[in-house]
PDB file of N, CA and C in Angstrom:
ATOM      1  N   MET A   1       0.663  -1.361   0.146  1.00  0.00           N
ATOM      2  CA  MET A   1       0.040  -0.010   0.069  1.00  0.00           C
ATOM      3  C   MET A   1       0.842   1.342  -0.118  1.00  0.00           C
ATOM      4  N   LYS A   2       0.653   2.016  -0.864  1.00  0.00           N
ATOM      5  CA  LYS A   2       1.442   3.459  -0.987  1.00  0.00           C
ATOM      6  C   LYS A   2       0.941   4.290   0.306  1.00  0.00           C
ATOM      7  N   THR A   3       1.842   5.143   0.720  1.00  0.00           N
ATOM      8  CA  THR A   3       1.583   5.868   1.832  1.00  0.00           C
ATOM      9  C   THR A   3       1.556   7.529   1.213  1.00  0.00           C
ATOM     10  N   SER A   4       0.437   7.907   1.705  1.00  0.00           N
ATOM     11  CA  SER A   4       0.073   9.195   1.345  1.00  0.00           C
ATOM     12  C   SER A   4       0.867  10.172   2.277  1.00  0.00           C
ATOM     13  N   LEU A   5       1.704  11.130   1.351  1.00  0.00           N
ATOM     14  CA  LEU A   5       2.519  12.350   2.183  1.00  0.00           C
ATOM     15  C   LEU A   5       1.621  12.931   3.219  1.00  0.00           C
ATOM     16  N   SER A   6       0.458  13.394   2.477  1.00  0.00           N
ATOM     17  CA  SER A   6      -0.556  14.096   3.675  1.00  0.00           C
ATOM     18  C   SER A   6      -0.910  13.728   4.912  1.00  0.00           C
ATOM     19  N   THR A   7      -1.254  12.161   4.523  1.00  0.00           N
ATOM     20  CA  THR A   7      -1.235  11.350   5.771  1.00  0.00           C
ATOM     21  C   THR A   7      -0.091  11.528   6.816  1.00  0.00           C
ATOM     22  N   LEU A   8       1.156  11.425   6.290  1.00  0.00           N
ATOM     23  CA  LEU A   8       2.222  11.401   7.190  1.00  0.00           C
ATOM     24  C   LEU A   8       2.327  12.751   7.717  1.00  0.00           C
ATOM     25  N   SER A   9       2.197  13.895   7.193  1.00  0.00           N
ATOM     26  CA  SER A   9       1.980  15.092   7.680  1.00  0.00           C
ATOM     27  C   SER A   9       1.065  15.374   8.602  1.00  0.00           C
ATOM     28  N   LYS A  10      -0.238  15.104   8.349  1.00  0.00           N
ATOM     29  CA  LYS A  10      -1.349  14.957   9.552  1.00  0.00           C
ATOM     30  C   LYS A  10      -1.030  14.348  10.737  1.00  0.00           C
ATOM     31  N   LYS A  11      -0.240  12.833  10.651  1.00  0.00           N
ATOM     32  CA  LYS A  11       0.013  12.392  11.705  1.00  0.00           C
ATOM     33  C   LYS A  11       1.194  13.076  12.595  1.00  0.00           C
ATOM     34  N   TYR A  12       2.066  13.701  11.642  1.00  0.00           N
ATOM     35  CA  TYR A  12       3.279  14.261  12.333  1.00  0.00           C
ATOM     36  C   TYR A  12       2.706  15.237  13.022  1.00  0.00           C
ATOM     37  N   LEU A  13       2.096  16.109  12.565  1.00  0.00           N
ATOM     38  CA  LEU A  13       1.427  17.622  13.263  1.00  0.00           C
ATOM     39  C   LEU A  13       0.360  16.906  14.654  1.00  0.00           C
ATOM     40  N   GLU A  14      -0.181  16.250  14.358  1.00  0.00           N
ATOM     41  CA  GLU A  14      -1.183  15.448  15.396  1.00  0.00           C
ATOM     42  C   GLU A  14      -0.338  15.065  16.611  1.00  0.00           C
ATOM     43  N   GLU A  15       0.743  14.574  16.507  1.00  0.00           N
ATOM     44  CA  GLU A  15       1.622  14.126  17.264  1.00  0.00           C
ATOM     45  C   GLU A  15       2.247  15.188  17.991  1.00  0.00           C
ATOM     46  N   LYS A  16       2.449  16.479  17.307  1.00  0.00           N
ATOM     47  CA  LYS A  16       2.799  17.575  17.937  1.00  0.00           C
ATOM     48  C   LYS A  16       1.659  18.587  18.658  1.00  0.00           C
ATOM     49  N   GLY A  17       0.432  17.948  18.640  1.00  0.00           N
ATOM     50  CA  GLY A  17      -0.839  18.882  19.458  1.00  0.00           C
ATOM     51  C   GLY A  17      -1.493  19.399  18.558  1.00  0.00           C
ATOM     52  N   TYR A  18      -1.343  19.295  17.248  1.00  0.00           N
ATOM     53  CA  TYR A  18      -2.089  20.165  16.420  1.00  0.00           C
ATOM     54  C   TYR A  18      -3.430  19.551  16.083  1.00  0.00           C
ATOM     55  N   THR A  19      -4.124  20.075  15.624  1.00  0.00           N
ATOM     56  CA  THR A  19      -5.920  19.895  15.320  1.00  0.00           C
ATOM     57  C   THR A  19      -5.535  19.915  13.772  1.00  0.00           C
ATOM     58  N   VAL A  20      -5.805  19.161  13.031  1.00  0.00           N
ATOM     59  CA  VAL A  20      -5.329  19.029  11.392  1.00  0.00           C
ATOM     60  C   VAL A  20      -6.624  18.599  10.600  1.00  0.00           C
ATOM     61  N   GLU A  21      -6.740  19.502   9.516  1.00  0.00           N
ATOM     62  CA  GLU A  21      -7.947  19.418   8.347  1.00  0.00           C
ATOM     63  C   GLU A  21      -7.146  19.331   7.178  1.00  0.00           C
ATOM     64  N   LYS A  22      -7.864  18.172   6.236  1.00  0.00           N
ATOM     65  CA  LYS A  22      -7.062  18.428   4.928  1.00  0.00           C
ATOM     66  C   LYS A  22      -7.983  19.696   4.256  1.00  0.00           C
ATOM     67  N   THR A  23      -7.370  20.593   3.450  1.00  0.00           N
ATOM     68  CA  THR A  23      -7.848  21.392   2.657  1.00  0.00           C
ATOM     69  C   THR A  23      -7.956  21.325   1.100  1.00  0.00           C
ATOM     70  N   GLU A  24      -6.967  20.451   0.663  1.00  0.00           N
ATOM     71  CA  GLU A  24      -6.747  20.308  -0.659  1.00  0.00           C
ATOM     72  C   GLU A  24      -8.216  19.164  -1.253  1.00  0.00           C
ATOM     73  N   HIS A  25      -8.617  19.822  -2.547  1.00  0.00           N
ATOM     74  CA  HIS A  25      -9.749  18.973  -2.666  1.00  0.00           C
ATOM     75  C   HIS A  25      -9.410  18.713  -4.417  1.00  0.00           C
ATOM     76  N   PHE A  26     -10.202  17.550  -4.849  1.00  0.00           N
ATOM     77  CA  PHE A  26     -10.144  17.172  -6.246  1.00  0.00           C
ATOM     78  C   PHE A  26     -11.414  17.864  -7.023  1.00  0.00           C
ATOM     79  N   ASN A  27     -11.440  18.457  -8.190  1.00  0.00           N
ATOM     80  CA  ASN A  27     -12.366  18.813  -9.053  1.00  0.00           C
ATOM     81  C   ASN A  27     -12.613  17.974  -9.909  1.00  0.00           C
ATOM     82  N   PHE A  28     -13.448  17.129  -9.932  1.00  0.00           N
ATOM     83  CA  PHE A  28     -13.807  16.128 -10.816  1.00  0.00           C
ATOM     84  C   PHE A  28     -13.929  16.342 -12.415  1.00  0.00           C
ATOM     85  N   PHE A  29     -14.844  17.902 -12.600  1.00  0.00           N
ATOM     86  CA  PHE A  29     -15.060  18.089 -13.872  1.00  0.00           C
ATOM     87  C   PHE A  29     -13.675  18.920 -14.402  1.00  0.00           C
ATOM     88  N   ALA A  30     -12.800  19.583 -13.729  1.00  0.00           N
ATOM     89  CA  ALA A  30     -11.660  20.388 -14.275  1.00  0.00           C
ATOM     90  C   ALA A  30     -10.327  18.757 -14.009  1.00  0.00           C
ATOM     91  N   LYS A  31     -10.720  17.800 -13.712  1.00  0.00           N
ATOM     92  CA  LYS A  31      -9.871  16.890 -13.295  1.00  0.00           C
ATOM     93  C   LYS A  31      -8.638  17.554 -12.673  1.00  0.00           C
ATOM     94  N   LYS A  32      -8.477  18.016 -11.678  1.00  0.00           N
ATOM     95  CA  LYS A  32      -7.202  18.814 -11.201  1.00  0.00           C
ATOM     96  C   LYS A  32      -7.590  18.992  -9.477  1.00  0.00           C
ATOM     97  N   ARG A  33      -6.468  18.823  -8.957  1.00  0.00           N
ATOM     98  CA  ARG A  33      -6.432  19.040  -7.439  1.00  0.00           C
ATOM     99  C   ARG A  33      -6.179  20.518  -7.265  1.00  0.00           C
ATOM    100  N   PHE A  34      -7.051  21.165  -6.174  1.00  0.00           N
ATOM    101  CA  PHE A  34      -6.783  22.589  -5.810  1.00  0.00           C
ATOM    102  C   PHE A  34      -6.339  22.874  -4.385  1.00  0.00           C
ATOM    103  N   ASP A  35      -5.556  23.373  -4.127  1.00  0.00           N
ATOM    104  CA  ASP A  35      -5.042  23.519  -2.810  1.00  0.00           C
ATOM    105  C   ASP A  35      -5.612  25.023  -1.955  1.00  0.00           C
ATOM    106  N   LEU A  36      -5.929  25.018  -0.879  1.00  0.00           N
ATOM    107  CA  LEU A  36      -6.310  26.217  -0.003  1.00  0.00           C
ATOM    108  C   LEU A  36      -5.259  27.475  -0.385  1.00  0.00           C
ATOM    109  N   LEU A  37      -5.851  28.631  -1.011  1.00  0.00           N
ATOM    110  CA  LEU A  37      -5.118  29.729  -1.374  1.00  0.00           C
ATOM    111  C   LEU A  37      -3.827  29.514  -2.441  1.00  0.00           C
ATOM    112  N   GLY A  38      -3.950  28.152  -3.062  1.00  0.00           N
ATOM    113  CA  GLY A  38      -3.158  28.018  -4.136  1.00  0.00           C
ATOM    114  C   GLY A  38      -1.995  27.043  -3.536  1.00  0.00           C
ATOM    115  N   VAL A  39      -1.655  27.065  -2.418  1.00  0.00           N
ATOM    116  CA  VAL A  39      -0.471  26.399  -1.841  1.00  0.00           C
ATOM    117  C   VAL A  39      -0.599  25.618  -0.517  1.00  0.00           C
ATOM    118  N   GLY A  40      -1.749  25.676  -0.105  1.00  0.00           N
ATOM    119  CA  GLY A  40      -1.938  24.672   1.237  1.00  0.00           C
ATOM    120  C   GLY A  40      -2.737  23.351   1.186  1.00  0.00           C
ATOM    121  N   ASP A  41      -2.326  22.361   1.504  1.00  0.00           N
ATOM    122  CA  ASP A  41      -2.854  21.024   1.574  1.00  0.00           C
ATOM    123  C   ASP A  41      -3.484  20.827   2.682  1.00  0.00           C
ATOM    124  N   LEU A  42      -2.890  21.094   4.095  1.00  0.00           N
ATOM    125  CA  LEU A  42      -3.758  21.307   5.064  1.00  0.00           C
ATOM    126  C   LEU A  42      -3.694  22.481   6.045  1.00  0.00           C
ATOM    127  N   ILE A  43      -4.466  22.398   6.949  1.00  0.00           N
ATOM    128  CA  ILE A  43      -4.432  23.394   7.874  1.00  0.00           C
ATOM    129  C   ILE A  43      -4.456  23.014   9.119  1.00  0.00           C
ATOM    130  N   ALA A  44      -3.640  23.556  10.179  1.00  0.00           N
ATOM    131  CA  ALA A  44      -3.320  22.966  11.469  1.00  0.00           C
ATOM    132  C   ALA A  44      -3.343  24.111  12.789  1.00  0.00           C
ATOM    133  N   LEU A  45      -3.977  23.942  13.305  1.00  0.00           N
ATOM    134  CA  LEU A  45      -3.835  24.938  14.921  1.00  0.00           C
ATOM    135  C   LEU A  45      -4.082  23.945  15.942  1.00  0.00           C
ATOM    136  N   ASN A  46      -3.236  24.780  17.096  1.00  0.00           N
ATOM    137  CA  ASN A  46      -2.992  24.228  18.518  1.00  0.00           C
ATOM    138  C   ASN A  46      -3.476  25.566  19.410  1.00  0.00           C
ATOM    139  N   GLY A  47      -4.294  26.360  19.042  1.00  0.00           N
ATOM    140  CA  GLY A  47      -4.523  27.212  19.922  1.00  0.00           C
ATOM    141  C   GLY A  47      -3.593  28.702  20.203  1.00  0.00           C
ATOM    142  N   LYS A  48      -2.559  28.457  19.850  1.00  0.00           N
ATOM    143  CA  LYS A  48      -1.702  29.620  19.603  1.00  0.00           C
ATOM    144  C   LYS A  48      -1.124  30.089  18.348  1.00  0.00           C
ATOM    145  N   GLU A  49      -1.426  29.166  17.542  1.00  0.00           N
ATOM    146  CA  GLU A  49      -0.498  29.483  16.080  1.00  0.00           C
ATOM    147  C   GLU A  49      -1.659  28.617  15.153  1.00  0.00           C
ATOM    148  N   ILE A  50      -1.782  29.077  13.843  1.00  0.00           N
ATOM    149  CA  ILE A  50      -2.487  28.694  12.989  1.00  0.00           C
ATOM    150  C   ILE A  50      -1.394  28.497  11.787  1.00  0.00           C
ATOM    151  N   LEU A  51      -1.568  27.072  11.269  1.00  0.00           N
ATOM    152  CA  LEU A  51      -0.305  26.803   9.870  1.00  0.00           C
ATOM    153  C   LEU A  51      -1.072  26.304   8.579  1.00  0.00           C
ATOM    154  N   LEU A  52      -0.484  26.971   7.571  1.00  0.00           N
ATOM    155  CA  LEU A  52      -1.065  26.375   6.416  1.00  0.00           C
ATOM    156  C   LEU A  52       0.115  25.540   5.744  1.00  0.00           C
ATOM    157  N   VAL A  53      -0.120  24.293   5.485  1.00  0.00           N
ATOM    158  CA  VAL A  53       0.910  23.431   5.119  1.00  0.00           C
ATOM    159  C   VAL A  53       0.785  22.763   3.742  1.00  0.00           C
ATOM    160  N   GLN A  54       2.079  22.936   2.958  1.00  0.00           N
ATOM    161  CA  GLN A  54       2.227  22.260   1.664  1.00  0.00           C
ATOM    162  C   GLN A  54       3.095  20.924   1.954  1.00  0.00           C
ATOM    163  N   VAL A  55       2.493  20.006   1.585  1.00  0.00           N
ATOM    164  CA  VAL A  55       3.311  18.758   1.330  1.00  0.00           C
ATOM    165  C   VAL A  55       3.695  18.206   0.267  1.00  0.00           C
ATOM    166  N   THR A  56       4.877  18.026   0.097  1.00  0.00           N
ATOM    167  CA  THR A  56       5.444  17.380  -1.104  1.00  0.00           C
ATOM    168  C   THR A  56       6.691  16.435  -0.754  1.00  0.00           C
ATOM    169  N   SER A  57       6.891  15.982  -2.012  1.00  0.00           N
ATOM    170  CA  SER A  57       8.665  14.909  -1.667  1.00  0.00           C
ATOM    171  C   SER A  57       9.542  16.129  -1.214  1.00  0.00           C
ATOM    172  N   ARG A  58      10.472  15.493  -1.066  1.00  0.00           N
ATOM    173  CA  ARG A  58      11.940  16.330  -0.388  1.00  0.00           C
ATOM    174  C   ARG A  58      12.306  16.939  -1.525  1.00  0.00           C
ATOM    175  N   ASN A  59      12.612  16.209  -2.819  1.00  0.00           N
ATOM    176  CA  ASN A  59      13.340  16.531  -4.051  1.00  0.00           C
ATOM    177  C   ASN A  59      12.295  17.784  -4.701  1.00  0.00           C
ATOM    178  N   ASN A  60      11.305  18.176  -4.524  1.00  0.00           N
ATOM    179  CA  ASN A  60      10.375  19.123  -4.852  1.00  0.00           C
ATOM    180  C   ASN A  60      10.196  20.058  -3.875  1.00  0.00           C
ATOM    181  N   LEU A  61      10.945  20.290  -2.741  1.00  0.00           N
ATOM    182  CA  LEU A  61      10.634  21.119  -1.574  1.00  0.00           C
ATOM    183  C   LEU A  61      11.128  22.526  -2.197  1.00  0.00           C
ATOM    184  N   SER A  62      12.325  23.037  -2.824  1.00  0.00           N
ATOM    185  CA  SER A  62      12.484  23.971  -3.291  1.00  0.00           C
ATOM    186  C   SER A  62      11.880  24.619  -4.154  1.00  0.00           C
ATOM    187  N   THR A  63      11.317  23.933  -5.032  1.00  0.00           N
ATOM    188  CA  THR A  63      10.502  24.591  -6.296  1.00  0.00           C
ATOM    189  C   THR A  63       9.146  24.984  -5.493  1.00  0.00           C
ATOM    190  N   ARG A  64       8.562  24.172  -4.836  1.00  0.00           N
ATOM    191  CA  ARG A  64       7.426  24.359  -4.002  1.00  0.00           C
ATOM    192  C   ARG A  64       7.486  25.646  -3.248  1.00  0.00           C
ATOM    193  N   SER A  65       8.653  26.055  -2.453  1.00  0.00           N
ATOM    194  CA  SER A  65       8.617  27.111  -1.821  1.00  0.00           C
ATOM    195  C   SER A  65       9.067  28.468  -2.707  1.00  0.00           C
ATOM    196  N   VAL A  66       9.482  28.213  -3.707  1.00  0.00           N
ATOM    197  CA  VAL A  66       9.907  29.550  -4.734  1.00  0.00           C
ATOM    198  C   VAL A  66       8.198  29.746  -5.047  1.00  0.00           C
ATOM    199  N   LYS A  67       7.338  28.632  -5.749  1.00  0.00           N
ATOM    200  CA  LYS A  67       5.944  28.777  -6.168  1.00  0.00           C
ATOM    201  C   LYS A  67       5.192  29.422  -4.859  1.00  0.00           C
ATOM    202  N   ALA A  68       5.418  29.204  -3.504  1.00  0.00           N
ATOM    203  CA  ALA A  68       4.781  29.751  -2.416  1.00  0.00           C
ATOM    204  C   ALA A  68       5.164  31.135  -2.290  1.00  0.00           C
ATOM    205  N   SER A  69       6.202  31.581  -2.272  1.00  0.00           N
ATOM    206  CA  SER A  69       6.816  32.983  -2.001  1.00  0.00           C
ATOM    207  C   SER A  69       6.304  33.996  -3.111  1.00  0.00           C
ATOM    208  N   GLU A  70       5.967  33.383  -4.051  1.00  0.00           N
ATOM    209  CA  GLU A  70       5.681  34.148  -5.022  1.00  0.00           C
ATOM    210  C   GLU A  70       3.949  34.686  -5.020  1.00  0.00           C
ATOM    211  N   SER A  71       3.396  33.702  -4.064  1.00  0.00           N
ATOM    212  CA  SER A  71       1.765  33.675  -3.883  1.00  0.00           C
ATOM    213  C   SER A  71       1.256  34.967  -3.318  1.00  0.00           C
ATOM    214  N   GLU A  72       0.558  35.705  -3.759  1.00  0.00           N
ATOM    215  CA  GLU A  72      -0.368  37.084  -3.295  1.00  0.00           C
ATOM    216  C   GLU A  72      -0.875  36.813  -2.122  1.00  0.00           C
ATOM    217  N   LYS A  73      -1.748  35.530  -2.384  1.00  0.00           N
ATOM    218  CA  LYS A  73      -2.745  35.166  -1.150  1.00  0.00           C
ATOM    219  C   LYS A  73      -1.882  34.697  -0.233  1.00  0.00           C
ATOM    220  N   LEU A  74      -0.795  33.819  -0.660  1.00  0.00           N
ATOM    221  CA  LEU A  74       0.270  33.382   0.814  1.00  0.00           C
ATOM    222  C   LEU A  74       0.519  34.689   1.597  1.00  0.00           C
ATOM    223  N   LYS A  75       0.895  35.514   0.817  1.00  0.00           N
ATOM    224  CA  LYS A  75       1.283  37.022   1.570  1.00  0.00           C
ATOM    225  C   LYS A  75       0.183  37.595   2.611  1.00  0.00           C
ATOM    226  N   LEU A  76      -0.989  37.551   2.099  1.00  0.00           N
ATOM    227  CA  LEU A  76      -2.257  38.042   2.862  1.00  0.00           C
ATOM    228  C   LEU A  76      -2.363  37.165   4.107  1.00  0.00           C
ATOM    229  N   TRP A  77      -2.150  35.817   3.982  1.00  0.00           N
ATOM    230  CA  TRP A  77      -2.228  34.816   5.166  1.00  0.00           C
ATOM    231  C   TRP A  77      -0.998  35.190   5.974  1.00  0.00           C
ATOM    232  N   LEU A  78       0.230  35.067   5.484  1.00  0.00           N
ATOM    233  CA  LEU A  78       1.504  35.650   6.393  1.00  0.00           C
ATOM    234  C   LEU A  78       1.017  36.972   7.134  1.00  0.00           C
ATOM    235  N   SER A  79       0.764  38.185   6.487  1.00  0.00           N
ATOM    236  CA  SER A  79       0.283  39.442   7.264  1.00  0.00           C
ATOM    237  C   SER A  79      -0.888  39.477   7.989  1.00  0.00           C
ATOM    238  N   ALA A  80      -2.010  38.326   8.177  1.00  0.00           N
ATOM    239  CA  ALA A  80      -2.699  38.291   8.969  1.00  0.00           C
ATOM    240  C   ALA A  80      -2.390  37.454  10.130  1.00  0.00           C
ATOM    241  N   GLY A  81      -0.945  36.920  10.307  1.00  0.00           N
ATOM    242  CA  GLY A  81      -0.709  36.112  11.518  1.00  0.00           C
ATOM    243  C   GLY A  81      -0.395  34.655  11.146  1.00  0.00           C
ATOM    244  N   GLY A  82      -0.888  34.258  10.177  1.00  0.00           N
ATOM    245  CA  GLY A  82      -0.476  32.858   9.802  1.00  0.00           C
ATOM    246  C   GLY A  82       0.754  32.377   9.501  1.00  0.00           C
ATOM    247  N   LEU A  83       1.243  31.174   9.782  1.00  0.00           N
ATOM    248  CA  LEU A  83       2.322  30.658   9.392  1.00  0.00           C
ATOM    249  C   LEU A  83       2.008  29.795   8.343  1.00  0.00           C
ATOM    250  N   PHE A  84       3.218  29.270   7.402  1.00  0.00           N
ATOM    251  CA  PHE A  84       3.312  28.637   6.338  1.00  0.00           C
ATOM    252  C   PHE A  84       4.291  27.639   6.638  1.00  0.00           C
ATOM    253  N   VAL A  85       3.986  26.562   6.307  1.00  0.00           N
ATOM    254  CA  VAL A  85       5.111  25.352   6.658  1.00  0.00           C
ATOM    255  C   VAL A  85       5.218  24.534   5.532  1.00  0.00           C
ATOM    256  N   LEU A  86       6.379  24.157   4.928  1.00  0.00           N
ATOM    257  CA  LEU A  86       6.517  23.218   3.960  1.00  0.00           C
ATOM    258  C   LEU A  86       6.959  21.890   4.655  1.00  0.00           C
ATOM    259  N   HIS A  87       6.462  20.734   4.135  1.00  0.00           N
ATOM    260  CA  HIS A  87       6.901  19.394   4.650  1.00  0.00           C
ATOM    261  C   HIS A  87       7.323  18.843   3.095  1.00  0.00           C
ATOM    262  N   GLY A  88       8.584  18.419   3.278  1.00  0.00           N
ATOM    263  CA  GLY A  88       9.214  17.559   2.402  1.00  0.00           C
ATOM    264  C   GLY A  88       9.512  16.260   2.984  1.00  0.00           C
ATOM    265  N   TRP A  89       9.057  15.342   2.219  1.00  0.00           N
ATOM    266  CA  TRP A  89       9.043  13.832   2.725  1.00  0.00           C
ATOM    267  C   TRP A  89       9.859  12.955   1.771  1.00  0.00           C
ATOM    268  N   ASP A  90      11.100  12.125   2.362  1.00  0.00           N
ATOM    269  CA  ASP A  90      11.559  11.083   1.551  1.00  0.00           C
ATOM    270  C   ASP A  90      11.489  10.000   2.458  1.00  0.00           C
ATOM    271  N   LYS A  91      12.128   8.693   1.785  1.00  0.00           N
ATOM    272  CA  LYS A  91      12.143   7.413   2.516  1.00  0.00           C
ATOM    273  C   LYS A  91      13.847   7.342   2.831  1.00  0.00           C
ATOM    274  N   TYR A  92      14.560   7.418   3.491  1.00  0.00           N
ATOM    275  CA  TYR A  92      15.855   7.085   4.044  1.00  0.00           C
ATOM    276  C   TYR A  92      15.919   5.573   4.908  1.00  0.00           C
ATOM    277  N   LYS A  93      16.795   4.947   4.362  1.00  0.00           N
ATOM    278  CA  LYS A  93      17.068   3.626   5.086  1.00  0.00           C
ATOM    279  C   LYS A  93      15.771   3.010   5.313  1.00  0.00           C
ATOM    280  N   ASN A  94      14.986   3.297   4.416  1.00  0.00           N
ATOM    281  CA  ASN A  94      13.534   2.286   4.550  1.00  0.00           C
ATOM    282  C   ASN A  94      12.299   2.918   5.549  1.00  0.00           C
ATOM    283  N   ARG A  95      12.880   4.168   6.030  1.00  0.00           N
ATOM    284  CA  ARG A  95      12.079   4.809   6.885  1.00  0.00           C
ATOM    285  C   ARG A  95      11.511   6.250   6.548  1.00  0.00           C
ATOM    286  N   TRP A  96      10.619   6.763   6.572  1.00  0.00           N
ATOM    287  CA  TRP A  96      10.029   8.130   6.235  1.00  0.00           C
ATOM    288  C   TRP A  96      10.963   9.228   7.235  1.00  0.00           C
ATOM    289  N   ARG A  97      11.235  10.250   6.529  1.00  0.00           N
ATOM    290  CA  ARG A  97      11.762  11.241   7.115  1.00  0.00           C
ATOM    291  C   ARG A  97      11.201  12.914   6.559  1.00  0.00           C
ATOM    292  N   ILE A  98      11.294  13.625   7.411  1.00  0.00           N
ATOM    293  CA  ILE A  98      10.691  14.887   7.033  1.00  0.00           C
ATOM    294  C   ILE A  98      11.692  16.048   6.963  1.00  0.00           C
ATOM    295  N   LYS A  99      11.824  16.869   6.250  1.00  0.00           N
ATOM    296  CA  LYS A  99      12.471  18.221   6.214  1.00  0.00           C
ATOM    297  C   LYS A  99      11.304  19.462   6.264  1.00  0.00           C
ATOM    298  N   GLU A 100      11.377  20.052   7.142  1.00  0.00           N
ATOM    299  CA  GLU A 100      10.402  21.080   7.480  1.00  0.00           C
ATOM    300  C   GLU A 100      10.629  22.657   7.424  1.00  0.00           C
ATOM    301  N   MET A 101      10.139  23.513   6.641  1.00  0.00           N
ATOM    302  CA  MET A 101      10.424  24.673   6.347  1.00  0.00           C
ATOM    303  C   MET A 101       9.088  25.748   6.772  1.00  0.00           C
ATOM    304  N   THR A 102       9.664  26.605   7.369  1.00  0.00           N
ATOM    305  CA  THR A 102       8.622  27.655   7.780  1.00  0.00           C
ATOM    306  C   THR A 102       8.721  28.922   7.364  1.00  0.00           C
ATOM    307  N   LEU A 103       7.675  29.543   6.754  1.00  0.00           N
ATOM    308  CA  LEU A 103       7.551  30.997   6.276  1.00  0.00           C
ATOM    309  C   LEU A 103       6.849  31.847   7.121  1.00  0.00           C
ATOM    310  N   GLY A 104       6.963  32.943   7.694  1.00  0.00           N
ATOM    311  CA  GLY A 104       6.287  33.710   8.666  1.00  0.00           C
ATOM    312  C   GLY A 104       6.453  33.552  10.093  1.00  0.00           C
ATOM    313  N   GLY A 105       5.917  34.278  10.734  1.00  0.00           N
ATOM    314  CA  GLY A 105       6.047  34.024  12.074  1.00  0.00           C
ATOM    315  C   GLY A 105       7.009  34.963  12.738  1.00  0.00           C
TER     316      GLY A 105
END
């Protein structure tokens, strides 16, 4: 069974005390996936902060970071006090590992 990277991030954040919801959705008519504000797959909050999370492979982390930093909607999110976190996943020695980058805050 293939492991979903979003599922890994959801579990990772929940273990850190966050309440997490998926924000990405698939439009069957357009046959395309859409992220919240064009950059977010998950939203996570813990009473102190609110995170918009982009989940990707570790190899795509820098590409997603550049795309996100150019987003006007993300700039609004950050100016309103939200944080943006990128999760880059890969398998190393048969175990999943994460590289986490944060924008804002």
